[in-house]
C-alpha cells in the first residue's frame, strides 16, 4: 500500500510538473534519477526535492521583489517584466502549496491505515 501511495504522489507531482511546463514555469522534473531530486547517487529523496522546490520558489519571490522595488524607486520602467515576475512567483508558490496539500492528504491516508 505504501508503494502504491508513493506512486500516486509521483503521479500527482508529474501532473503538476506538466501543468507548470505548460505555463512556462521552471519546475523540477519528477524523474527519480534527476540529480536535483536525489542524493547524487541516483536515489530519490523527497526531502531534498522539497528543499529544492522551496529554494526555487524563494528565488522567484526575491527576483519579483527586486524588480518591483526597481520599478517603485524609478530605477526601471519595466512594469510588465515586474508584473510577469510577480505572477511567476505567485504561480510557483501556488504549485508548491498544491504539492504540500497532496502530501499532507497522503500522510493523513497513511495514518488511517490499520496496522
PDB file of N, CA and C in Angstrom:
ATOM      1  N   UNK A   1       0.821  -1.196   0.000  1.00  0.00           N
ATOM      2  CA  UNK A   1       0.000   0.000   0.000  1.00  0.00           C
ATOM      3  C   UNK A   1       0.860   1.253   0.000  1.00  0.00           C
ATOM      4  N   UNK A   2       1.985   1.215   0.732  1.00  0.00           N
ATOM      5  CA  UNK A   2       2.876   2.363   0.804  1.00  0.00           C
ATOM      6  C   UNK A   2       3.508   2.681  -0.542  1.00  0.00           C
ATOM      7  N   UNK A   3       3.896   1.622  -1.302  1.00  0.00           N
ATOM      8  CA  UNK A   3       4.493   1.868  -2.619  1.00  0.00           C
ATOM      9  C   UNK A   3       3.454   2.381  -3.601  1.00  0.00           C
ATOM     10  N   UNK A   4       2.198   1.930  -3.440  1.00  0.00           N
ATOM     11  CA  UNK A   4       1.131   2.450  -4.299  1.00  0.00           C
ATOM     12  C   UNK A   4       0.897   3.925  -4.024  1.00  0.00           C
ATOM     13  N   UNK A   5       0.951   4.310  -2.759  1.00  0.00           N
ATOM     14  CA  UNK A   5       0.760   5.704  -2.376  1.00  0.00           C
ATOM     15  C   UNK A   5       1.911   6.560  -2.893  1.00  0.00           C
ATOM     16  N   UNK A   6       3.117   6.017  -2.809  1.00  0.00           N
ATOM     17  CA  UNK A   6       4.272   6.757  -3.342  1.00  0.00           C
ATOM     18  C   UNK A   6       4.120   6.942  -4.849  1.00  0.00           C
ATOM     19  N   UNK A   7       3.610   5.926  -5.525  1.00  0.00           N
ATOM     20  CA  UNK A   7       3.362   6.043  -6.964  1.00  0.00           C
ATOM     21  C   UNK A   7       2.317   7.100  -7.276  1.00  0.00           C
ATOM     22  N   UNK A   8       1.282   7.160  -6.453  1.00  0.00           N
ATOM     23  CA  UNK A   8       0.253   8.184  -6.645  1.00  0.00           C
ATOM     24  C   UNK A   8       0.811   9.582  -6.420  1.00  0.00           C
ATOM     25  N   UNK A   9       1.661   9.723  -5.410  1.00  0.00           N
ATOM     26  CA  UNK A   9       2.277  11.026  -5.143  1.00  0.00           C
ATOM     27  C   UNK A   9       3.153  11.428  -6.317  1.00  0.00           C
ATOM     28  N   UNK A  10       3.934  10.478  -6.840  1.00  0.00           N
ATOM     29  CA  UNK A  10       4.781  10.792  -8.001  1.00  0.00           C
ATOM     30  C   UNK A  10       3.925  11.157  -9.204  1.00  0.00           C
ATOM     31  N   UNK A  11       2.797  10.479  -9.382  1.00  0.00           N
ATOM     32  CA  UNK A  11       1.907  10.804 -10.498  1.00  0.00           C
ATOM     33  C   UNK A  11       1.325  12.203 -10.334  1.00  0.00           C
ATOM     34  N   UNK A  12       0.945  12.562  -9.096  1.00  0.00           N
ATOM     35  CA  UNK A  12       0.437  13.916  -8.844  1.00  0.00           C
ATOM     36  C   UNK A  12       1.514  14.961  -9.088  1.00  0.00           C
ATOM     37  N   UNK A  13       2.743  14.670  -8.659  1.00  0.00           N
ATOM     38  CA  UNK A  13       3.839  15.603  -8.906  1.00  0.00           C
ATOM     39  C   UNK A  13       4.108  15.744 -10.401  1.00  0.00           C
ATOM     40  N   UNK A  14       4.015  14.632 -11.129  1.00  0.00           N
ATOM     41  CA  UNK A  14       4.230  14.693 -12.576  1.00  0.00           C
ATOM     42  C   UNK A  14       3.136  15.524 -13.244  1.00  0.00           C
ATOM     43  N   UNK A  15       1.891  15.377 -12.797  1.00  0.00           N
ATOM     44  CA  UNK A  15       0.794  16.169 -13.359  1.00  0.00           C
ATOM     45  C   UNK A  15       0.999  17.653 -13.075  1.00  0.00           C
ATOM     46  N   UNK A  16       1.406  17.982 -11.854  1.00  0.00           N
ATOM     47  CA  UNK A  16       1.677  19.383 -11.517  1.00  0.00           C
ATOM     48  C   UNK A  16       2.855  19.916 -12.328  1.00  0.00           C
ATOM     49  N   UNK A  17       3.859  19.074 -12.533  1.00  0.00           N
ATOM     50  CA  UNK A  17       5.020  19.482 -13.321  1.00  0.00           C
ATOM     51  C   UNK A  17       4.610  19.754 -14.770  1.00  0.00           C
ATOM     52  N   UNK A  18       3.747  18.906 -15.324  1.00  0.00           N
ATOM     53  CA  UNK A  18       3.262  19.127 -16.690  1.00  0.00           C
ATOM     54  C   UNK A  18       2.463  20.416 -16.778  1.00  0.00           C
ATOM     55  N   UNK A  19       1.624  20.685 -15.792  1.00  0.00           N
ATOM     56  CA  UNK A  19       0.866  21.934 -15.776  1.00  0.00           C
ATOM     57  C   UNK A  19       1.799  23.134 -15.711  1.00  0.00           C
ATOM     58  N   UNK A  20       2.833  23.027 -14.889  1.00  0.00           N
ATOM     59  CA  UNK A  20       3.794  24.124 -14.765  1.00  0.00           C
ATOM     60  C   UNK A  20       4.554  24.328 -16.066  1.00  0.00           C
ATOM     61  N   UNK A  21       4.887  23.237 -16.745  1.00  0.00           N
ATOM     62  CA  UNK A  21       5.591  23.357 -18.020  1.00  0.00           C
ATOM     63  C   UNK A  21       4.733  24.062 -19.056  1.00  0.00           C
ATOM     64  N   UNK A  22       3.446  23.764 -19.048  1.00  0.00           N
ATOM     65  CA  UNK A  22       2.550  24.439 -19.991  1.00  0.00           C
ATOM     66  C   UNK A  22       2.448  25.926 -19.683  1.00  0.00           C
ATOM     67  N   UNK A  23       2.614  26.292 -18.428  1.00  0.00           N
ATOM     68  CA  UNK A  23       2.568  27.699 -18.043  1.00  0.00           C
ATOM     69  C   UNK A  23       3.937  28.364 -18.158  1.00  0.00           C
ATOM     70  N   UNK A  24       4.922  27.607 -18.642  1.00  0.00           N
ATOM     71  CA  UNK A  24       6.286  28.092 -18.815  1.00  0.00           C
ATOM     72  C   UNK A  24       6.908  28.496 -17.489  1.00  0.00           C
ATOM     73  N   UNK A  25       6.611  27.726 -16.434  1.00  0.00           N
ATOM     74  CA  UNK A  25       7.191  27.941 -15.118  1.00  0.00           C
ATOM     75  C   UNK A  25       8.299  26.915 -14.955  1.00  0.00           C
ATOM     76  N   UNK A  26       9.442  27.367 -14.485  1.00  0.00           N
ATOM     77  CA  UNK A  26      10.552  26.454 -14.255  1.00  0.00           C
ATOM     78  C   UNK A  26      10.223  25.585 -13.050  1.00  0.00           C
ATOM     79  N   UNK A  27      10.101  24.267 -13.256  1.00  0.00           N
ATOM     80  CA  UNK A  27       9.797  23.340 -12.176  1.00  0.00           C
ATOM     81  C   UNK A  27      10.699  22.133 -12.316  1.00  0.00           C
ATOM     82  N   UNK A  28      11.120  21.521 -11.209  1.00  0.00           N
ATOM     83  CA  UNK A  28      11.985  20.352 -11.296  1.00  0.00           C
ATOM     84  C   UNK A  28      11.238  19.163 -11.875  1.00  0.00           C
ATOM     85  N   UNK A  29      11.957  18.356 -12.609  1.00  0.00           N
ATOM     86  CA  UNK A  29      11.387  17.142 -13.190  1.00  0.00           C
ATOM     87  C   UNK A  29      11.145  16.120 -12.090  1.00  0.00           C
ATOM     88  N   UNK A  30      10.209  15.200 -12.325  1.00  0.00           N
ATOM     89  CA  UNK A  30       9.885  14.187 -11.321  1.00  0.00           C
ATOM     90  C   UNK A  30      10.603  12.886 -11.640  1.00  0.00           C
ATOM     91  N   UNK A  31      11.653  12.955 -12.444  1.00  0.00           N
ATOM     92  CA  UNK A  31      12.443  11.788 -12.774  1.00  0.00           C
ATOM     93  C   UNK A  31      13.264  11.369 -11.557  1.00  0.00           C
ATOM     94  N   UNK A  32      13.186  10.094 -11.167  1.00  0.00           N
ATOM     95  CA  UNK A  32      13.866   9.636  -9.958  1.00  0.00           C
ATOM     96  C   UNK A  32      15.379   9.715 -10.086  1.00  0.00           C
ATOM     97  N   UNK A  33      15.906   9.720 -11.299  1.00  0.00           N
ATOM     98  CA  UNK A  33      17.344   9.816 -11.479  1.00  0.00           C
ATOM     99  C   UNK A  33      17.836  11.234 -11.611  1.00  0.00           C
ATOM    100  N   UNK A  34      16.965  12.193 -11.533  1.00  0.00           N
ATOM    101  CA  UNK A  34      17.333  13.602 -11.682  1.00  0.00           C
ATOM    102  C   UNK A  34      18.160  14.027 -10.477  1.00  0.00           C
ATOM    103  N   UNK A  35      19.354  14.626 -10.702  1.00  0.00           N
ATOM    104  CA  UNK A  35      20.200  14.974  -9.567  1.00  0.00           C
ATOM    105  C   UNK A  35      19.574  15.986  -8.614  1.00  0.00           C
ATOM    106  N   UNK A  36      18.692  16.842  -9.107  1.00  0.00           N
ATOM    107  CA  UNK A  36      18.066  17.829  -8.219  1.00  0.00           C
ATOM    108  C   UNK A  36      17.104  17.166  -7.247  1.00  0.00           C
ATOM    109  N   UNK A  37      16.652  15.957  -7.577  1.00  0.00           N
ATOM    110  CA  UNK A  37      15.695  15.277  -6.721  1.00  0.00           C
ATOM    111  C   UNK A  37      16.335  14.191  -5.865  1.00  0.00           C
ATOM    112  N   UNK A  38      17.547  13.849  -6.155  1.00  0.00           N
ATOM    113  CA  UNK A  38      18.156  12.752  -5.435  1.00  0.00           C
ATOM    114  C   UNK A  38      19.309  13.192  -4.563  1.00  0.00           C
ATOM    115  N   UNK A  39      20.050  12.191  -4.114  1.00  0.00           N
ATOM    116  CA  UNK A  39      21.177  12.469  -3.234  1.00  0.00           C
ATOM    117  C   UNK A  39      22.502  12.469  -3.995  1.00  0.00           C
ATOM    118  N   UNK A  40      22.450  12.487  -5.321  1.00  0.00           N
ATOM    119  CA  UNK A  40      23.661  12.467  -6.127  1.00  0.00           C
ATOM    120  C   UNK A  40      24.040  11.069  -6.557  1.00  0.00           C
ATOM    121  N   UNK A  41      23.487  10.047  -5.918  1.00  0.00           N
ATOM    122  CA  UNK A  41      23.778   8.663  -6.267  1.00  0.00           C
ATOM    123  C   UNK A  41      22.643   8.019  -7.041  1.00  0.00           C
ATOM    124  N   UNK A  42      21.725   8.808  -7.536  1.00  0.00           N
ATOM    125  CA  UNK A  42      20.597   8.273  -8.273  1.00  0.00           C
ATOM    126  C   UNK A  42      19.441   7.859  -7.391  1.00  0.00           C
ATOM    127  N   UNK A  43      19.518   8.110  -6.088  1.00  0.00           N
ATOM    128  CA  UNK A  43      18.446   7.752  -5.166  1.00  0.00           C
ATOM    129  C   UNK A  43      17.480   8.917  -5.039  1.00  0.00           C
ATOM    130  N   UNK A  44      16.201   8.606  -5.081  1.00  0.00           N
ATOM    131  CA  UNK A  44      15.181   9.636  -4.948  1.00  0.00           C
ATOM    132  C   UNK A  44      15.100  10.095  -3.505  1.00  0.00           C
ATOM    133  N   UNK A  45      15.094  11.405  -3.299  1.00  0.00           N
ATOM    134  CA  UNK A  45      14.973  11.969  -1.957  1.00  0.00           C
ATOM    135  C   UNK A  45      13.865  13.013  -1.991  1.00  0.00           C
ATOM    136  N   UNK A  46      12.724  12.656  -1.407  1.00  0.00           N
ATOM    137  CA  UNK A  46      11.599  13.584  -1.395  1.00  0.00           C
ATOM    138  C   UNK A  46      11.940  14.829  -0.593  1.00  0.00           C
ATOM    139  N   UNK A  47      12.638  14.649   0.520  1.00  0.00           N
ATOM    140  CA  UNK A  47      13.013  15.793   1.360  1.00  0.00           C
ATOM    141  C   UNK A  47      13.892  16.763   0.574  1.00  0.00           C
ATOM    142  N   UNK A  48      14.862  16.229  -0.172  1.00  0.00           N
ATOM    143  CA  UNK A  48      15.747  17.096  -0.955  1.00  0.00           C
ATOM    144  C   UNK A  48      14.985  17.778  -2.077  1.00  0.00           C
ATOM    145  N   UNK A  49      14.048  17.071  -2.709  1.00  0.00           N
ATOM    146  CA  UNK A  49      13.274  17.702  -3.779  1.00  0.00           C
ATOM    147  C   UNK A  49      12.389  18.817  -3.231  1.00  0.00           C
ATOM    148  N   UNK A  50      11.853  18.646  -2.028  1.00  0.00           N
ATOM    149  CA  UNK A  50      11.059  19.719  -1.418  1.00  0.00           C
ATOM    150  C   UNK A  50      11.936  20.904  -1.044  1.00  0.00           C
ATOM    151  N   UNK A  51      13.144  20.645  -0.541  1.00  0.00           N
ATOM    152  CA  UNK A  51      14.073  21.738  -0.233  1.00  0.00           C
ATOM    153  C   UNK A  51      14.415  22.510  -1.500  1.00  0.00           C
ATOM    154  N   UNK A  52      14.650  21.780  -2.595  1.00  0.00           N
ATOM    155  CA  UNK A  52      14.960  22.430  -3.866  1.00  0.00           C
ATOM    156  C   UNK A  52      13.772  23.254  -4.363  1.00  0.00           C
ATOM    157  N   UNK A  53      12.570  22.725  -4.199  1.00  0.00           N
ATOM    158  CA  UNK A  53      11.379  23.459  -4.625  1.00  0.00           C
ATOM    159  C   UNK A  53      11.196  24.718  -3.790  1.00  0.00           C
ATOM    160  N   UNK A  54      11.406  24.615  -2.484  1.00  0.00           N
ATOM    161  CA  UNK A  54      11.312  25.789  -1.614  1.00  0.00           C
ATOM    162  C   UNK A  54      12.336  26.845  -2.004  1.00  0.00           C
ATOM    163  N   UNK A  55      13.553  26.412  -2.294  1.00  0.00           N
ATOM    164  CA  UNK A  55      14.599  27.358  -2.698  1.00  0.00           C
ATOM    165  C   UNK A  55      14.239  28.033  -4.014  1.00  0.00           C
ATOM    166  N   UNK A  56      13.666  27.271  -4.928  1.00  0.00           N
ATOM    167  CA  UNK A  56      13.268  27.829  -6.220  1.00  0.00           C
ATOM    168  C   UNK A  56      12.144  28.852  -6.068  1.00  0.00           C
ATOM    169  N   UNK A  57      11.157  28.533  -5.251  1.00  0.00           N
ATOM    170  CA  UNK A  57      10.047  29.462  -5.011  1.00  0.00           C
ATOM    171  C   UNK A  57      10.553  30.723  -4.322  1.00  0.00           C
ATOM    172  N   UNK A  58      11.457  30.546  -3.364  1.00  0.00           N
ATOM    173  CA  UNK A  58      12.031  31.704  -2.670  1.00  0.00           C
ATOM    174  C   UNK A  58      12.821  32.579  -3.642  1.00  0.00           C
ATOM    175  N   UNK A  59      13.585  31.954  -4.533  1.00  0.00           N
ATOM    176  CA  UNK A  59      14.352  32.709  -5.524  1.00  0.00           C
ATOM    177  C   UNK A  59      13.420  33.485  -6.449  1.00  0.00           C
ATOM    178  N   UNK A  60      12.334  32.854  -6.899  1.00  0.00           N
ATOM    179  CA  UNK A  60      11.355  33.547  -7.746  1.00  0.00           C
ATOM    180  C   UNK A  60      10.779  34.759  -7.023  1.00  0.00           C
ATOM    181  N   UNK A  61      10.474  34.604  -5.741  1.00  0.00           N
ATOM    182  CA  UNK A  61       9.912  35.712  -4.966  1.00  0.00           C
ATOM    183  C   UNK A  61      10.922  36.841  -4.799  1.00  0.00           C
ATOM    184  N   UNK A  62      12.176  36.497  -4.559  1.00  0.00           N
ATOM    185  CA  UNK A  62      13.204  37.524  -4.411  1.00  0.00           C
ATOM    186  C   UNK A  62      13.417  38.306  -5.702  1.00  0.00           C
ATOM    187  N   UNK A  63      13.425  37.597  -6.829  1.00  0.00           N
ATOM    188  CA  UNK A  63      13.575  38.269  -8.130  1.00  0.00           C
ATOM    189  C   UNK A  63      12.396  39.210  -8.371  1.00  0.00           C
ATOM    190  N   UNK A  64      11.186  38.738  -8.077  1.00  0.00           N
ATOM    191  CA  UNK A  64       9.998  39.572  -8.263  1.00  0.00           C
ATOM    192  C   UNK A  64      10.066  40.804  -7.365  1.00  0.00           C
ATOM    193  N   UNK A  65      10.492  40.627  -6.114  1.00  0.00           N
ATOM    194  CA  UNK A  65      10.612  41.761  -5.195  1.00  0.00           C
ATOM    195  C   UNK A  65      11.634  42.778  -5.696  1.00  0.00           C
ATOM    196  N   UNK A  66      12.771  42.294  -6.197  1.00  0.00           N
ATOM    197  CA  UNK A  66      13.796  43.201  -6.711  1.00  0.00           C
ATOM    198  C   UNK A  66      13.277  44.004  -7.900  1.00  0.00           C
ATOM    199  N   UNK A  67      12.561  43.334  -8.800  1.00  0.00           N
ATOM    200  CA  UNK A  67      12.028  44.036  -9.971  1.00  0.00           C
ATOM    201  C   UNK A  67      10.958  45.049  -9.573  1.00  0.00           C
ATOM    202  N   UNK A  68      10.116  44.669  -8.616  1.00  0.00           N
ATOM    203  CA  UNK A  68       9.080  45.605  -8.166  1.00  0.00           C
ATOM    204  C   UNK A  68       9.696  46.803  -7.446  1.00  0.00           C
ATOM    205  N   UNK A  69      10.735  46.566  -6.636  1.00  0.00           N
ATOM    206  CA  UNK A  69      11.407  47.671  -5.960  1.00  0.00           C
ATOM    207  C   UNK A  69      12.078  48.606  -6.959  1.00  0.00           C
ATOM    208  N   UNK A  70      12.654  48.038  -8.019  1.00  0.00           N
ATOM    209  CA  UNK A  70      13.296  48.861  -9.039  1.00  0.00           C
ATOM    210  C   UNK A  70      12.267  49.737  -9.749  1.00  0.00           C
ATOM    211  N   UNK A  71      11.094  49.185 -10.014  1.00  0.00           N
ATOM    212  CA  UNK A  71      10.030  49.972 -10.654  1.00  0.00           C
ATOM    213  C   UNK A  71       9.509  51.029  -9.682  1.00  0.00           C
ATOM    214  N   UNK A  72       9.307  50.658  -8.425  1.00  0.00           N
ATOM    215  CA  UNK A  72       8.793  51.595  -7.426  1.00  0.00           C
ATOM    216  C   UNK A  72       9.741  52.768  -7.184  1.00  0.00           C
ATOM    217  N   UNK A  73      11.044  52.484  -7.208  1.00  0.00           N
ATOM    218  CA  UNK A  73      12.015  53.540  -6.937  1.00  0.00           C
ATOM    219  C   UNK A  73      12.363  54.358  -8.172  1.00  0.00           C
ATOM    220  N   UNK A  74      11.874  53.938  -9.333  1.00  0.00           N
ATOM    221  CA  UNK A  74      12.139  54.677 -10.562  1.00  0.00           C
ATOM    222  C   UNK A  74      13.414  54.269 -11.261  1.00  0.00           C
ATOM    223  N   UNK A  75      14.102  53.232 -10.770  1.00  0.00           N
ATOM    224  CA  UNK A  75      15.331  52.767 -11.408  1.00  0.00           C
ATOM    225  C   UNK A  75      15.049  52.012 -12.697  1.00  0.00           C
ATOM    226  N   UNK A  76      13.837  51.507 -12.821  1.00  0.00           N
ATOM    227  CA  UNK A  76      13.455  50.738 -14.007  1.00  0.00           C
ATOM    228  C   UNK A  76      12.041  51.138 -14.414  1.00  0.00           C
ATOM    229  N   UNK A  77      11.786  51.066 -15.708  1.00  0.00           N
ATOM    230  CA  UNK A  77      10.435  51.334 -16.183  1.00  0.00           C
ATOM    231  C   UNK A  77       9.799  50.072 -16.774  1.00  0.00           C
ATOM    232  N   UNK A  78      10.362  48.904 -16.422  1.00  0.00           N
ATOM    233  CA  UNK A  78       9.872  47.618 -16.921  1.00  0.00           C
ATOM    234  C   UNK A  78       8.758  47.093 -16.014  1.00  0.00           C
ATOM    235  N   UNK A  79       7.627  47.767 -16.062  1.00  0.00           N
ATOM    236  CA  UNK A  79       6.495  47.363 -15.231  1.00  0.00           C
ATOM    237  C   UNK A  79       5.949  46.004 -15.660  1.00  0.00           C
ATOM    238  N   UNK A  80       5.925  45.757 -16.972  1.00  0.00           N
ATOM    239  CA  UNK A  80       5.407  44.477 -17.469  1.00  0.00           C
ATOM    240  C   UNK A  80       6.286  43.332 -16.988  1.00  0.00           C
ATOM    241  N   UNK A  81       7.612  43.501 -17.055  1.00  0.00           N
ATOM    242  CA  UNK A  81       8.526  42.459 -16.577  1.00  0.00           C
ATOM    243  C   UNK A  81       8.375  42.211 -15.096  1.00  0.00           C
ATOM    244  N   UNK A  82       8.175  43.290 -14.338  1.00  0.00           N
ATOM    245  CA  UNK A  82       7.990  43.149 -12.896  1.00  0.00           C
ATOM    246  C   UNK A  82       6.691  42.411 -12.589  1.00  0.00           C
ATOM    247  N   UNK A  83       5.641  42.739 -13.311  1.00  0.00           N
ATOM    248  CA  UNK A  83       4.356  42.065 -13.087  1.00  0.00           C
ATOM    249  C   UNK A  83       4.432  40.593 -13.494  1.00  0.00           C
ATOM    250  N   UNK A  84       5.132  40.302 -14.589  1.00  0.00           N
ATOM    251  CA  UNK A  84       5.284  38.905 -15.008  1.00  0.00           C
ATOM    252  C   UNK A  84       6.083  38.113 -13.974  1.00  0.00           C
ATOM    253  N   UNK A  85       7.139  38.716 -13.440  1.00  0.00           N
ATOM    254  CA  UNK A  85       7.922  38.046 -12.392  1.00  0.00           C
ATOM    255  C   UNK A  85       7.077  37.807 -11.153  1.00  0.00           C
ATOM    256  N   UNK A  86       6.248  38.786 -10.825  1.00  0.00           N
ATOM    257  CA  UNK A  86       5.370  38.650  -9.671  1.00  0.00           C
ATOM    258  C   UNK A  86       4.364  37.519  -9.879  1.00  0.00           C
ATOM    259  N   UNK A  87       3.804  37.433 -11.066  1.00  0.00           N
ATOM    260  CA  UNK A  87       2.852  36.361 -11.364  1.00  0.00           C
ATOM    261  C   UNK A  87       3.530  34.995 -11.372  1.00  0.00           C
ATOM    262  N   UNK A  88       4.765  34.936 -11.898  1.00  0.00           N
ATOM    263  CA  UNK A  88       5.500  33.670 -11.895  1.00  0.00           C
ATOM    264  C   UNK A  88       5.760  33.220 -10.460  1.00  0.00           C
ATOM    265  N   UNK A  89       6.146  34.156  -9.595  1.00  0.00           N
ATOM    266  CA  UNK A  89       6.379  33.817  -8.186  1.00  0.00           C
ATOM    267  C   UNK A  89       5.085  33.341  -7.540  1.00  0.00           C
ATOM    268  N   UNK A  90       3.976  33.992  -7.872  1.00  0.00           N
ATOM    269  CA  UNK A  90       2.676  33.604  -7.327  1.00  0.00           C
ATOM    270  C   UNK A  90       2.299  32.195  -7.786  1.00  0.00           C
ATOM    271  N   UNK A  91       2.490  31.892  -9.063  1.00  0.00           N
ATOM    272  CA  UNK A  91       2.172  30.560  -9.579  1.00  0.00           C
ATOM    273  C   UNK A  91       3.077  29.501  -8.966  1.00  0.00           C
ATOM    274  N   UNK A  92       4.352  29.824  -8.794  1.00  0.00           N
ATOM    275  CA  UNK A  92       5.279  28.876  -8.175  1.00  0.00           C
ATOM    276  C   UNK A  92       4.842  28.557  -6.750  1.00  0.00           C
ATOM    277  N   UNK A  93       4.458  29.589  -6.014  1.00  0.00           N
ATOM    278  CA  UNK A  93       4.004  29.382  -4.645  1.00  0.00           C
ATOM    279  C   UNK A  93       2.719  28.564  -4.613  1.00  0.00           C
ATOM    280  N   UNK A  94       1.793  28.866  -5.519  1.00  0.00           N
ATOM    281  CA  UNK A  94       0.536  28.108  -5.574  1.00  0.00           C
ATOM    282  C   UNK A  94       0.792  26.637  -5.886  1.00  0.00           C
ATOM    283  N   UNK A  95       1.712  26.375  -6.808  1.00  0.00           N
ATOM    284  CA  UNK A  95       2.041  24.996  -7.149  1.00  0.00           C
ATOM    285  C   UNK A  95       2.662  24.290  -5.949  1.00  0.00           C
ATOM    286  N   UNK A  96       3.540  24.980  -5.238  1.00  0.00           N
ATOM    287  CA  UNK A  96       4.159  24.398  -4.047  1.00  0.00           C
ATOM    288  C   UNK A  96       3.107  24.072  -2.993  1.00  0.00           C
ATOM    289  N   UNK A  97       2.139  24.942  -2.817  1.00  0.00           N
ATOM    290  CA  UNK A  97       1.081  24.695  -1.838  1.00  0.00           C
ATOM    291  C   UNK A  97       0.205  23.516  -2.260  1.00  0.00           C
ATOM    292  N   UNK A  98      -0.025  23.353  -3.561  1.00  0.00           N
ATOM    293  CA  UNK A  98      -0.791  22.199  -4.027  1.00  0.00           C
ATOM    294  C   UNK A  98      -0.050  20.908  -3.738  1.00  0.00           C
ATOM    295  N   UNK A  99       1.254  20.905  -3.965  1.00  0.00           N
ATOM    296  CA  UNK A  99       2.050  19.712  -3.662  1.00  0.00           C
ATOM    297  C   UNK A  99       2.006  19.432  -2.161  1.00  0.00           C
ATOM    298  N   UNK A 100       2.155  20.486  -1.351  1.00  0.00           N
ATOM    299  CA  UNK A 100       2.091  20.324   0.104  1.00  0.00           C
ATOM    300  C   UNK A 100       0.757  19.724   0.527  1.00  0.00           C
ATOM    301  N   UNK A 101      -0.338  20.225  -0.035  1.00  0.00           N
ATOM    302  CA  UNK A 101      -1.656  19.713   0.323  1.00  0.00           C
ATOM    303  C   UNK A 101      -1.816  18.255  -0.081  1.00  0.00           C
ATOM    304  N   UNK A 102      -1.285  17.893  -1.259  1.00  0.00           N
ATOM    305  CA  UNK A 102      -1.353  16.488  -1.689  1.00  0.00           C
ATOM    306  C   UNK A 102      -0.555  15.596  -0.743  1.00  0.00           C
ATOM    307  N   UNK A 103       0.622  16.042  -0.345  1.00  0.00           N
ATOM    308  CA  UNK A 103       1.461  15.253   0.556  1.00  0.00           C
ATOM    309  C   UNK A 103       0.778  15.106   1.911  1.00  0.00           C
ATOM    310  N   UNK A 104       0.222  16.198   2.422  1.00  0.00           N
ATOM    311  CA  UNK A 104      -0.457  16.114   3.711  1.00  0.00           C
ATOM    312  C   UNK A 104      -1.666  15.185   3.636  1.00  0.00           C
ATOM    313  N   UNK A 105      -2.381  15.216   2.529  1.00  0.00           N
ATOM    314  CA  UNK A 105      -3.501  14.297   2.342  1.00  0.00           C
ATOM    315  C   UNK A 105      -3.034  12.850   2.315  1.00  0.00           C
ATOM    316  N   UNK A 106      -1.889  12.611   1.653  1.00  0.00           N
ATOM    317  CA  UNK A 106      -1.344  11.257   1.594  1.00  0.00           C
ATOM    318  C   UNK A 106      -0.900  10.788   2.983  1.00  0.00           C
ATOM    319  N   UNK A 107      -0.301  11.683   3.750  1.00  0.00           N
ATOM    320  CA  UNK A 107       0.117  11.328   5.116  1.00  0.00           C
ATOM    321  C   UNK A 107      -1.101  11.011   5.975  1.00  0.00           C
ATOM    322  N   UNK A 108      -2.162  11.804   5.830  1.00  0.00           N
ATOM    323  CA  UNK A 108      -3.387  11.521   6.575  1.00  0.00           C
ATOM    324  C   UNK A 108      -3.944  10.154   6.212  1.00  0.00           C
ATOM    325  N   UNK A 109      -3.886   9.798   4.922  1.00  0.00           N
ATOM    326  CA  UNK A 109      -4.366   8.470   4.494  1.00  0.00           C
ATOM    327  C   UNK A 109      -3.499   7.373   5.080  1.00  0.00           C
ATOM    328  N   UNK A 110      -2.181   7.596   5.125  1.00  0.00           N
ATOM    329  CA  UNK A 110      -1.299   6.599   5.719  1.00  0.00           C
ATOM    330  C   UNK A 110      -1.590   6.405   7.203  1.00  0.00           C
ATOM    331  N   UNK A 111      -1.886   7.481   7.889  1.00  0.00           N
ATOM    332  CA  UNK A 111      -2.169   7.385   9.317  1.00  0.00           C
ATOM    333  C   UNK A 111      -3.488   6.650   9.583  1.00  0.00           C
ATOM    334  N   UNK A 112      -4.386   6.676   8.630  1.00  0.00           N
ATOM    335  CA  UNK A 112      -5.684   5.999   8.793  1.00  0.00           C
ATOM    336  C   UNK A 112      -5.597   4.511   8.520  1.00  0.00           C
ATOM    337  N   UNK A 113      -4.499   4.058   7.899  1.00  0.00           N
ATOM    338  CA  UNK A 113      -4.370   2.639   7.571  1.00  0.00           C
ATOM    339  C   UNK A 113      -4.270   1.797   8.842  1.00  0.00           C
ATOM    340  N   UNK A 114      -4.947   0.654   8.838  1.00  0.00           N
ATOM    341  CA  UNK A 114      -4.825  -0.229  10.001  1.00  0.00           C
ATOM    342  C   UNK A 114      -3.454  -0.868  10.056  1.00  0.00           C
ATOM    343  N   UNK A 115      -2.968  -1.065  11.249  1.00  0.00           N
ATOM    344  CA  UNK A 115      -1.616  -1.635  11.410  1.00  0.00           C
ATOM    345  C   UNK A 115      -1.688  -3.122  11.595  1.00  0.00           C
TER     346      UNK A 115
END
